[in-house]
């Protein structure tokens, strides 16, 4: 049985770029996976959800918020009044979104409805409100400064006018910064990306700099896990370098030394968050929450690519030769179930053979199982494959386990079966997952 490693931090990273495009990326160790290419800004992990802001094309459009759970997109919300969204945070009751061009913060219900607004002084993008953080039960925001007019801050990016302030009281808690992003509280101190100076700062509550780390480029995006800082480094727009791209600086919390750098295939990083593996899987699944719907679209897309109209949507399931029936299955199987109960298991099927595996007539391939007790083997429910599985590829599917009616200790064998042809584990024993299950 394959199990996930628990010692590797998994990051979700949002990015964009006029040259490169962007998207959302999963980073685990040095492995970078581009999940999609939808340019994005703020991310938040809370309530068993990932909240994701989709970057607006221009300041004249509203914004979009995607909420994911472990099964994929749980909710899509269009926010017409929230222009140029930069960051999102869950405050325990609401999502709070920084709307930079509107110079405002918006409070959203868990369903995505706007229920409150705070607006800074000045017109347009006067303050450049950007990053949000909840610390010690209070909401803080970063801004490039308290300016009166739209983008006055552009001429003062290096004038140390940047602030981090308490939203409720309006009190500045940090001042003297240059285009600050992503303030964080850690062990009684503040960490902040001092972006225009290309650095990470540690500051005391009274604003004294305790430590300073100069990095490669515009610093934006900061996550902390396992004694490590993950700091985003983005290409600087006003000093364009055709060879430059975004990267994550992996910094030791103990000595503030850069231990590694991870390159990303985009120009700019906005946010970095630590996410549990099941939520990363949900982001991967996206809108493909219904396997049959997604599979039908995939099948049609194959015909669309060659400009043909299919006479039959699904490939036919011809009988497979024994040497073609080779798979590797991975799943976390239950160790105890209640008699007669129903349990759903997520499985991954890797096709090790040279033929396509399809749940199509005349001999559809299904995932199924046996409950074995002594010399008796009881066949289980069949579950169709969510898509055609090509040779040397894999797919995730759900298997419904119906527990035996009689209590006892059973061997559970999960495998594939081609109807009217053979059970895969009878051809090759390694085609099955096996475990002992107590039925109580």
Protein backbone atom coordinates (compact mmCIF):
# COMPACT_ATOMS: atom_id res chain seq x y z
CA UNK A 1 0.00 0.00 0.00
CA UNK A 2 1.42 3.40 -0.99
CA UNK A 3 1.34 6.12 1.65
CA UNK A 4 2.07 9.83 1.45
CA UNK A 5 5.25 11.10 3.03
CA UNK A 6 4.42 13.36 5.95
CA UNK A 7 7.83 15.03 6.36
CA UNK A 8 7.63 17.13 3.17
CA UNK A 9 5.81 20.47 3.29
CA UNK A 10 3.41 21.04 0.40
CA UNK A 11 2.98 24.62 -0.75
CA UNK A 12 0.36 26.21 -2.96
CA UNK A 13 1.76 29.19 -4.85
CA UNK A 14 -0.17 31.74 -6.93
CA UNK A 15 1.49 33.53 -9.82
CA UNK A 16 1.06 35.68 -12.90
CA UNK A 17 3.08 37.52 -15.53
CA UNK A 18 2.54 39.54 -18.69
CA UNK A 19 5.17 37.48 -20.49
CA UNK A 20 4.80 34.09 -18.85
CA UNK A 21 1.18 33.89 -17.78
CA UNK A 22 0.58 32.40 -14.37
CA UNK A 23 -1.55 29.96 -12.47
CA UNK A 24 -1.46 27.99 -9.28
CA UNK A 25 1.45 25.70 -8.47
CA UNK A 26 1.96 22.85 -6.01
CA UNK A 27 5.51 22.73 -4.64
CA UNK A 28 6.70 19.72 -2.67
CA UNK A 29 10.42 19.50 -1.98
CA UNK A 30 11.99 20.59 -5.26
CA UNK A 31 9.10 19.28 -7.34
CA UNK A 32 7.01 22.01 -9.00
CA UNK A 33 3.64 21.10 -10.53
CA UNK A 34 1.66 23.69 -12.47
CA UNK A 35 -1.92 22.75 -11.67
CA UNK A 36 -3.47 25.28 -14.03
CA UNK A 37 -2.63 28.51 -15.85
CA UNK A 38 -5.28 30.81 -14.36
CA UNK A 39 -3.38 33.88 -13.12
CA UNK A 40 -4.10 34.35 -9.42
CA UNK A 41 -3.30 36.53 -6.41
CA UNK A 42 -4.34 35.88 -2.79
CA UNK A 43 -4.69 32.44 -1.22
CA UNK A 44 -6.03 31.38 2.17
CA UNK A 45 -6.34 27.98 3.86
CA UNK A 46 -9.09 27.77 6.51
CA UNK A 47 -12.22 25.79 7.40
CA UNK A 48 -11.08 22.81 5.30
CA UNK A 49 -11.09 25.08 2.26
CA UNK A 50 -8.64 26.84 -0.03
CA UNK A 51 -9.79 30.33 -1.02
CA UNK A 52 -8.27 31.64 -4.25
CA UNK A 53 -8.57 35.04 -5.89
CA UNK A 54 -8.44 35.10 -9.67
CA UNK A 55 -6.46 38.07 -10.99
CA UNK A 56 -8.53 40.68 -12.81
CA UNK A 57 -7.52 41.50 -16.37
CA UNK A 58 -7.72 45.24 -15.67
CA UNK A 59 -8.86 47.48 -12.85
CA UNK A 60 -12.22 48.01 -14.62
CA UNK A 61 -13.42 44.45 -14.01
CA UNK A 62 -14.70 42.88 -10.84
CA UNK A 63 -13.09 39.80 -9.38
CA UNK A 64 -13.67 36.10 -8.86
CA UNK A 65 -13.24 33.94 -5.79
CA UNK A 66 -12.89 30.17 -5.96
CA UNK A 67 -13.40 28.02 -2.85
CA UNK A 68 -12.05 24.46 -2.96
CA UNK A 69 -12.54 21.54 -0.62
CA UNK A 70 -11.00 18.08 -0.90
CA UNK A 71 -13.42 17.17 -3.72
CA UNK A 72 -12.70 20.17 -5.94
CA UNK A 73 -14.40 23.53 -6.45
CA UNK A 74 -17.01 23.93 -3.72
CA UNK A 75 -18.13 27.42 -4.70
CA UNK A 76 -17.50 30.00 -7.42
CA UNK A 77 -18.26 33.61 -6.47
CA UNK A 78 -18.29 36.61 -8.81
CA UNK A 79 -17.56 39.84 -6.94
CA UNK A 80 -18.47 42.75 -9.20
CA UNK A 81 -17.58 45.48 -6.69
CA UNK A 82 -14.27 43.99 -5.56
CA UNK A 83 -11.92 45.34 -8.23
CA UNK A 84 -8.23 44.43 -8.48
CA UNK A 85 -8.26 41.85 -5.65
CA UNK A 86 -4.90 41.27 -4.00
CA UNK A 87 -5.32 39.21 -0.86
CA UNK A 88 -7.84 37.15 1.09
CA UNK A 89 -7.93 35.99 4.70
CA UNK A 90 -10.49 34.20 6.91
CA UNK A 91 -11.08 36.14 10.15
CA UNK A 92 -13.03 33.38 11.89
CA UNK A 93 -16.41 34.58 10.63
CA UNK A 94 -15.87 36.10 7.18
CA UNK A 95 -13.49 36.16 4.27
CA UNK A 96 -11.81 39.57 4.02
CA UNK A 97 -10.57 40.65 0.58
CA UNK A 98 -8.22 43.54 -0.19
CA UNK A 99 -9.57 45.45 -3.21
CA UNK A 100 -6.56 47.54 -4.17
CA UNK A 101 -7.94 49.85 -6.87
CA UNK A 102 -11.08 50.45 -4.78
CA UNK A 103 -8.80 51.35 -1.83
CA UNK A 104 -11.05 49.10 0.26
CA UNK A 105 -11.43 45.93 2.25
CA UNK A 106 -14.55 43.83 1.76
CA UNK A 107 -16.04 41.31 4.18
CA UNK A 108 -17.71 38.28 2.61
CA UNK A 109 -19.92 35.64 4.16
CA UNK A 110 -18.91 31.98 3.92
CA UNK A 111 -21.19 31.85 0.85
CA UNK A 112 -19.34 34.76 -0.79
CA UNK A 113 -21.91 37.55 -0.27
CA UNK A 114 -20.53 41.03 0.49
CA UNK A 115 -21.63 41.95 4.03
CA UNK A 116 -19.27 44.82 4.91
CA UNK A 117 -16.75 47.33 3.57
CA UNK A 118 -13.96 49.52 4.95
CA UNK A 119 -12.54 52.24 2.71
CA UNK A 120 -9.29 54.13 3.12
CA UNK A 121 -9.07 57.86 2.43
CA UNK A 122 -8.05 59.03 -1.03
CA UNK A 123 -9.29 58.14 -4.49
CA UNK A 124 -8.58 55.06 -6.59
CA UNK A 125 -5.46 53.10 -5.72
CA UNK A 126 -4.21 55.70 -3.26
CA UNK A 127 -2.78 53.47 -0.52
CA UNK A 128 -2.14 50.29 -2.53
CA UNK A 129 -3.73 48.08 0.09
CA UNK A 130 -2.43 44.56 -0.51
CA UNK A 131 -1.66 41.87 2.06
CA UNK A 132 -3.78 40.86 5.06
CA UNK A 133 -3.01 38.86 8.18
CA UNK A 134 -4.96 37.84 11.27
CA UNK A 135 -2.71 37.90 14.36
CA UNK A 136 -3.71 37.63 18.01
CA UNK A 137 -7.35 37.95 16.95
CA UNK A 138 -6.81 41.25 15.14
CA UNK A 139 -6.80 42.04 11.43
CA UNK A 140 -3.79 43.85 9.98
CA UNK A 141 -3.19 45.15 6.46
CA UNK A 142 -0.12 46.30 4.52
CA UNK A 143 -0.13 49.41 2.34
CA UNK A 144 2.42 51.40 0.37
CA UNK A 145 1.47 54.57 2.29
CA UNK A 146 -1.32 56.99 3.18
CA UNK A 147 -1.64 58.94 -0.08
CA UNK A 148 -4.49 61.12 -1.32
CA UNK A 149 -4.66 60.35 -5.02
CA UNK A 150 -4.62 57.39 -7.37
CA UNK A 151 -1.14 55.82 -7.48
CA UNK A 152 0.70 58.71 -5.92
CA UNK A 153 2.78 55.98 -4.29
CA UNK A 154 4.55 55.22 -7.60
CA UNK A 155 6.80 58.27 -7.15
CA UNK A 156 7.51 57.34 -3.52
CA UNK A 157 8.25 53.60 -3.73
CA UNK A 158 11.67 54.08 -2.11
CA UNK A 159 10.72 56.85 0.34
CA UNK A 160 9.93 54.55 3.28
CA UNK A 161 6.25 55.53 3.36
CA UNK A 162 4.97 51.94 3.62
CA UNK A 163 2.98 50.78 6.64
CA UNK A 164 1.33 47.83 8.36
CA UNK A 165 -1.73 48.94 10.33
CA UNK A 166 -4.45 47.60 12.63
CA UNK A 167 -7.63 47.77 10.55
CA UNK A 168 -10.08 48.24 13.43
CA UNK A 169 -8.18 50.99 15.25
CA UNK A 170 -6.36 52.48 12.26
CA UNK A 171 -3.12 52.47 14.31
CA UNK A 172 0.15 51.94 12.43
CA UNK A 173 2.10 49.05 13.93
CA UNK A 174 4.99 49.21 11.44
CA UNK A 175 6.24 52.21 9.50
CA UNK A 176 9.27 53.20 7.41
CA UNK A 177 8.80 50.37 4.88
CA UNK A 178 9.21 50.32 1.11
CA UNK A 179 6.24 48.64 -0.63
CA UNK A 180 5.56 46.09 2.14
CA UNK A 181 3.78 42.78 1.56
CA UNK A 182 2.75 39.76 3.63
CA UNK A 183 3.34 40.76 7.27
CA UNK A 184 3.44 37.78 9.63
CA UNK A 185 3.63 37.43 13.42
CA UNK A 186 6.21 34.97 14.74
CA UNK A 187 7.41 34.52 18.33
CA UNK A 188 6.49 38.05 19.36
CA UNK A 189 8.08 39.73 16.34
CA UNK A 190 6.95 40.87 12.91
CA UNK A 191 8.18 39.44 9.62
CA UNK A 192 7.50 41.43 6.47
CA UNK A 193 8.52 41.37 2.82
CA UNK A 194 10.06 44.80 2.21
CA UNK A 195 9.50 44.40 -1.49
CA UNK A 196 11.06 47.49 -3.06
CA UNK A 197 14.30 46.84 -1.16
CA UNK A 198 14.26 43.14 -2.15
CA UNK A 199 14.47 41.95 1.43
CA UNK A 200 12.87 40.07 4.29
CA UNK A 201 12.78 41.91 7.61
CA UNK A 202 12.25 40.89 11.22
CA UNK A 203 11.05 43.78 13.38
CA UNK A 204 10.14 44.33 17.01
CA UNK A 205 6.75 45.67 18.05
CA UNK A 206 8.21 49.19 18.21
CA UNK A 207 9.49 48.90 14.62
CA UNK A 208 13.20 48.25 15.22
CA UNK A 209 14.83 46.00 12.60
CA UNK A 210 16.29 42.92 14.28
CA UNK A 211 17.31 41.01 11.17
CA UNK A 212 17.49 41.77 7.50
CA UNK A 213 17.99 39.37 4.59
CA UNK A 214 18.63 40.72 1.10
CA UNK A 215 17.23 38.50 -1.63
CA UNK A 216 17.38 38.43 -5.43
CA UNK A 217 14.41 40.53 -6.41
CA UNK A 218 10.99 41.90 -5.44
CA UNK A 219 9.95 39.95 -2.34
CA UNK A 220 6.26 38.98 -2.12
CA UNK A 221 4.68 35.85 -0.66
CA UNK A 222 5.77 34.36 2.68
CA UNK A 223 4.97 31.03 4.32
CA UNK A 224 6.49 29.54 7.47
CA UNK A 225 6.73 25.81 8.19
CA UNK A 226 9.11 23.40 9.88
CA UNK A 227 11.72 25.99 10.84
CA UNK A 228 11.82 27.33 7.28
CA UNK A 229 10.74 30.55 5.58
CA UNK A 230 9.50 30.25 2.01
CA UNK A 231 9.86 33.70 0.41
CA UNK A 232 8.64 34.57 -3.08
CA UNK A 233 11.01 36.42 -5.40
CA UNK A 234 9.44 38.06 -8.47
CA UNK A 235 10.76 39.80 -11.56
CA UNK A 236 10.77 43.56 -11.06
CA UNK A 237 8.52 45.23 -13.63
CA UNK A 238 10.48 48.47 -13.90
CA UNK A 239 13.81 46.67 -14.30
CA UNK A 240 12.89 44.00 -16.80
CA UNK A 241 15.29 41.12 -17.31
CA UNK A 242 14.34 38.80 -20.14
CA UNK A 243 16.11 35.88 -18.45
CA UNK A 244 14.64 36.48 -14.99
CA UNK A 245 11.71 34.58 -13.55
CA UNK A 246 10.06 33.92 -10.22
CA UNK A 247 11.58 31.73 -7.55
CA UNK A 248 11.05 30.70 -3.94
CA UNK A 249 13.93 31.34 -1.56
CA UNK A 250 14.09 28.57 1.06
CA UNK A 251 15.48 30.27 4.18
CA UNK A 252 16.53 28.68 7.47
CA UNK A 253 14.64 30.24 10.36
CA UNK A 254 17.57 29.53 12.66
CA UNK A 255 20.36 31.40 10.88
CA UNK A 256 18.49 33.25 8.08
CA UNK A 257 20.61 31.67 5.36
CA UNK A 258 19.21 30.79 1.94
CA UNK A 259 19.41 26.99 1.79
CA UNK A 260 17.85 26.53 -1.63
CA UNK A 261 15.97 28.23 -4.46
CA UNK A 262 13.07 26.75 -6.40
CA UNK A 263 12.36 28.24 -9.84
CA UNK A 264 8.76 28.67 -10.99
CA UNK A 265 7.57 29.01 -14.62
CA UNK A 266 6.07 32.47 -14.17
CA UNK A 267 7.33 36.05 -13.86
CA UNK A 268 5.73 36.96 -10.55
CA UNK A 269 4.62 35.23 -7.36
CA UNK A 270 1.84 36.73 -5.31
CA UNK A 271 1.14 34.34 -2.45
CA UNK A 272 2.52 31.20 -0.82
CA UNK A 273 0.55 29.06 1.66
CA UNK A 274 1.09 25.70 3.33
CA UNK A 275 -1.74 23.31 2.44
CA UNK A 276 -2.64 19.75 3.48
CA UNK A 277 -2.34 17.11 0.78
CA UNK A 278 -6.10 16.51 0.53
CA UNK A 279 -6.77 20.18 -0.26
CA UNK A 280 -4.00 20.21 -2.86
CA UNK A 281 -5.79 17.24 -4.45
CA UNK A 282 -9.01 19.26 -4.39
CA UNK A 283 -7.34 22.16 -6.20
CA UNK A 284 -6.01 19.68 -8.77
CA UNK A 285 -9.51 18.35 -9.32
CA UNK A 286 -10.95 21.85 -9.74
CA UNK A 287 -14.29 21.83 -11.54
CA UNK A 288 -13.88 18.14 -12.42
CA UNK A 289 -15.94 17.15 -9.39
CA UNK A 290 -18.11 14.75 -11.40
CA UNK A 291 -15.82 12.06 -12.89
CA UNK A 292 -18.37 10.98 -15.52
CA UNK A 293 -18.93 14.55 -16.73
CA UNK A 294 -15.19 15.17 -16.89
CA UNK A 295 -14.55 11.88 -18.67
CA UNK A 296 -17.20 12.60 -21.32
CA UNK A 297 -15.66 16.00 -21.99
CA UNK A 298 -12.22 14.41 -22.26
CA UNK A 299 -13.49 11.82 -24.73
CA UNK A 300 -15.16 14.48 -26.87
CA UNK A 301 -12.00 16.57 -26.79
CA UNK A 302 -10.06 13.70 -28.36
CA UNK A 303 -12.40 13.78 -31.35
CA UNK A 304 -12.43 17.60 -31.46
CA UNK A 305 -8.66 17.58 -31.87
CA UNK A 306 -8.93 15.68 -35.14
CA UNK A 307 -12.13 17.40 -36.31
CA UNK A 308 -14.26 14.24 -36.33
CA UNK A 309 -17.72 13.47 -34.98
CA UNK A 310 -17.68 10.20 -33.03
CA UNK A 311 -19.99 7.37 -34.12
CA UNK A 312 -19.56 6.07 -30.57
CA UNK A 313 -18.43 8.31 -27.68
CA UNK A 314 -16.56 5.68 -25.72
CA UNK A 315 -13.87 3.33 -26.95
CA UNK A 316 -15.02 -0.29 -27.06
CA UNK A 317 -13.89 -2.67 -24.36
CA UNK A 318 -12.37 -5.57 -26.29
CA UNK A 319 -11.17 -8.60 -24.35
CA UNK A 320 -7.66 -8.05 -23.00
CA UNK A 321 -4.91 -10.63 -23.25
CA UNK A 322 -3.59 -11.80 -19.82
CA UNK A 323 -0.22 -10.11 -20.39
CA UNK A 324 -2.03 -6.78 -20.94
CA UNK A 325 -3.71 -6.89 -17.53
CA UNK A 326 -1.04 -5.22 -15.43
CA UNK A 327 -1.87 -2.50 -12.89
CA UNK A 328 -0.57 -0.94 -9.71
CA UNK A 329 -3.19 0.14 -7.16
CA UNK A 330 -2.73 2.47 -4.21
CA UNK A 331 -5.27 3.39 -1.54
CA UNK A 332 -5.65 3.76 2.20
CA UNK A 333 -7.96 0.87 3.06
CA UNK A 334 -10.04 0.74 6.26
CA UNK A 335 -9.01 -1.64 9.04
CA UNK A 336 -12.45 -1.91 10.64
CA UNK A 337 -16.02 -1.48 9.36
CA UNK A 338 -19.51 -1.95 10.73
CA UNK A 339 -21.39 -4.95 9.32
CA UNK A 340 -23.49 -3.99 6.31
CA UNK A 341 -22.11 -0.42 6.19
CA UNK A 342 -21.09 1.55 3.11
CA UNK A 343 -17.62 3.09 2.88
CA UNK A 344 -16.04 5.11 0.07
CA UNK A 345 -12.32 4.75 -0.70
CA UNK A 346 -10.18 6.87 -3.02
CA UNK A 347 -7.95 4.70 -5.21
CA UNK A 348 -5.26 5.46 -7.75
CA UNK A 349 -4.92 3.07 -10.69
CA UNK A 350 -1.72 3.00 -12.71
CA UNK A 351 -1.95 1.13 -16.02
CA UNK A 352 1.30 -0.83 -16.41
CA UNK A 353 0.13 -2.71 -19.50
CA UNK A 354 0.18 -1.79 -23.21
CA UNK A 355 -3.62 -1.56 -23.70
CA UNK A 356 -6.27 1.04 -22.80
CA UNK A 357 -8.45 0.29 -19.79
CA UNK A 358 -12.06 1.42 -20.42
CA UNK A 359 -15.44 0.84 -18.78
CA UNK A 360 -17.13 0.25 -22.14
CA UNK A 361 -18.92 -2.73 -23.73
CA UNK A 362 -18.68 -5.48 -24.68
CA UNK A 363 -16.20 -6.24 -21.86
CA UNK A 364 -16.03 -3.21 -19.56
CA UNK A 365 -13.24 -2.94 -17.01
CA UNK A 366 -14.38 -2.04 -13.49
CA UNK A 367 -12.68 -1.66 -10.14
CA UNK A 368 -14.08 -4.10 -7.58
CA UNK A 369 -13.11 -6.29 -4.65
CA UNK A 370 -13.61 -9.60 -2.84
CA UNK A 371 -14.33 -10.26 0.82
CA UNK A 372 -12.49 -13.49 1.62
CA UNK A 373 -13.20 -15.61 4.68
CA UNK A 374 -11.73 -19.09 4.74
CA UNK A 375 -12.60 -20.80 1.48
CA UNK A 376 -15.40 -18.35 0.70
CA UNK A 377 -14.91 -15.28 -1.49
CA UNK A 378 -17.77 -12.80 -1.87
CA UNK A 379 -17.71 -10.46 -4.88
CA UNK A 380 -18.15 -6.76 -4.18
CA UNK A 381 -19.73 -3.79 -5.91
CA UNK A 382 -18.44 -2.71 -9.33
CA UNK A 383 -17.34 0.89 -9.94
CA UNK A 384 -16.74 2.17 -13.46
CA UNK A 385 -13.46 3.87 -14.27
CA UNK A 386 -13.76 7.68 -14.32
CA UNK A 387 -11.95 7.86 -17.68
CA UNK A 388 -10.06 5.77 -20.19
CA UNK A 389 -6.66 4.98 -18.69
CA UNK A 390 -3.95 4.94 -21.31
CA UNK A 391 -0.82 2.77 -21.00
CA UNK A 392 1.71 4.12 -18.48
CA UNK A 393 -0.74 6.66 -17.09
CA UNK A 394 -2.80 6.73 -13.92
CA UNK A 395 -6.18 7.96 -12.75
CA UNK A 396 -7.90 8.51 -9.43
CA UNK A 397 -11.29 6.94 -8.79
CA UNK A 398 -13.72 6.20 -6.00
CA UNK A 399 -14.56 2.70 -4.85
CA UNK A 400 -17.68 1.97 -2.83
CA UNK A 401 -17.12 -0.80 -0.25
CA UNK A 402 -20.20 -2.63 1.01
CA UNK A 403 -19.17 -4.42 4.20
CA UNK A 404 -20.26 -8.06 4.74
CA UNK A 405 -23.41 -8.61 6.75
CA UNK A 406 -21.75 -11.08 9.14
CA UNK A 407 -19.16 -9.91 11.70
CA UNK A 408 -15.70 -11.41 11.61
CA UNK A 409 -12.21 -10.89 10.22
CA UNK A 410 -12.00 -10.84 6.42
CA UNK A 411 -9.30 -10.37 3.83
CA UNK A 412 -10.19 -7.49 1.51
CA UNK A 413 -8.80 -7.79 -2.02
CA UNK A 414 -9.19 -4.72 -4.25
CA UNK A 415 -8.49 -5.24 -7.95
CA UNK A 416 -9.89 -4.75 -11.45
CA UNK A 417 -12.22 -7.06 -13.32
CA UNK A 418 -12.98 -7.21 -17.04
CA UNK A 419 -16.52 -8.47 -17.24
CA UNK A 420 -16.83 -11.77 -19.02
CA UNK A 421 -13.04 -12.12 -19.24
CA UNK A 422 -11.10 -12.24 -15.95
CA UNK A 423 -10.34 -10.78 -12.55
CA UNK A 424 -6.95 -9.09 -12.79
CA UNK A 425 -5.60 -10.59 -9.54
CA UNK A 426 -6.38 -14.10 -10.74
CA UNK A 427 -4.08 -13.47 -13.72
CA UNK A 428 -1.34 -11.76 -11.68
CA UNK A 429 -1.56 -11.64 -7.84
CA UNK A 430 0.34 -8.32 -7.71
CA UNK A 431 -2.66 -6.66 -9.42
CA UNK A 432 -4.49 -6.52 -6.08
CA UNK A 433 -4.32 -4.59 -2.84
CA UNK A 434 -4.83 -6.82 0.20
CA UNK A 435 -5.52 -6.04 3.83
CA UNK A 436 -7.24 -7.56 6.86
CA UNK A 437 -10.49 -5.88 7.92
CA UNK A 438 -12.47 -6.50 11.12
CA UNK A 439 -16.23 -6.38 10.56
CA UNK A 440 -17.92 -5.49 13.87
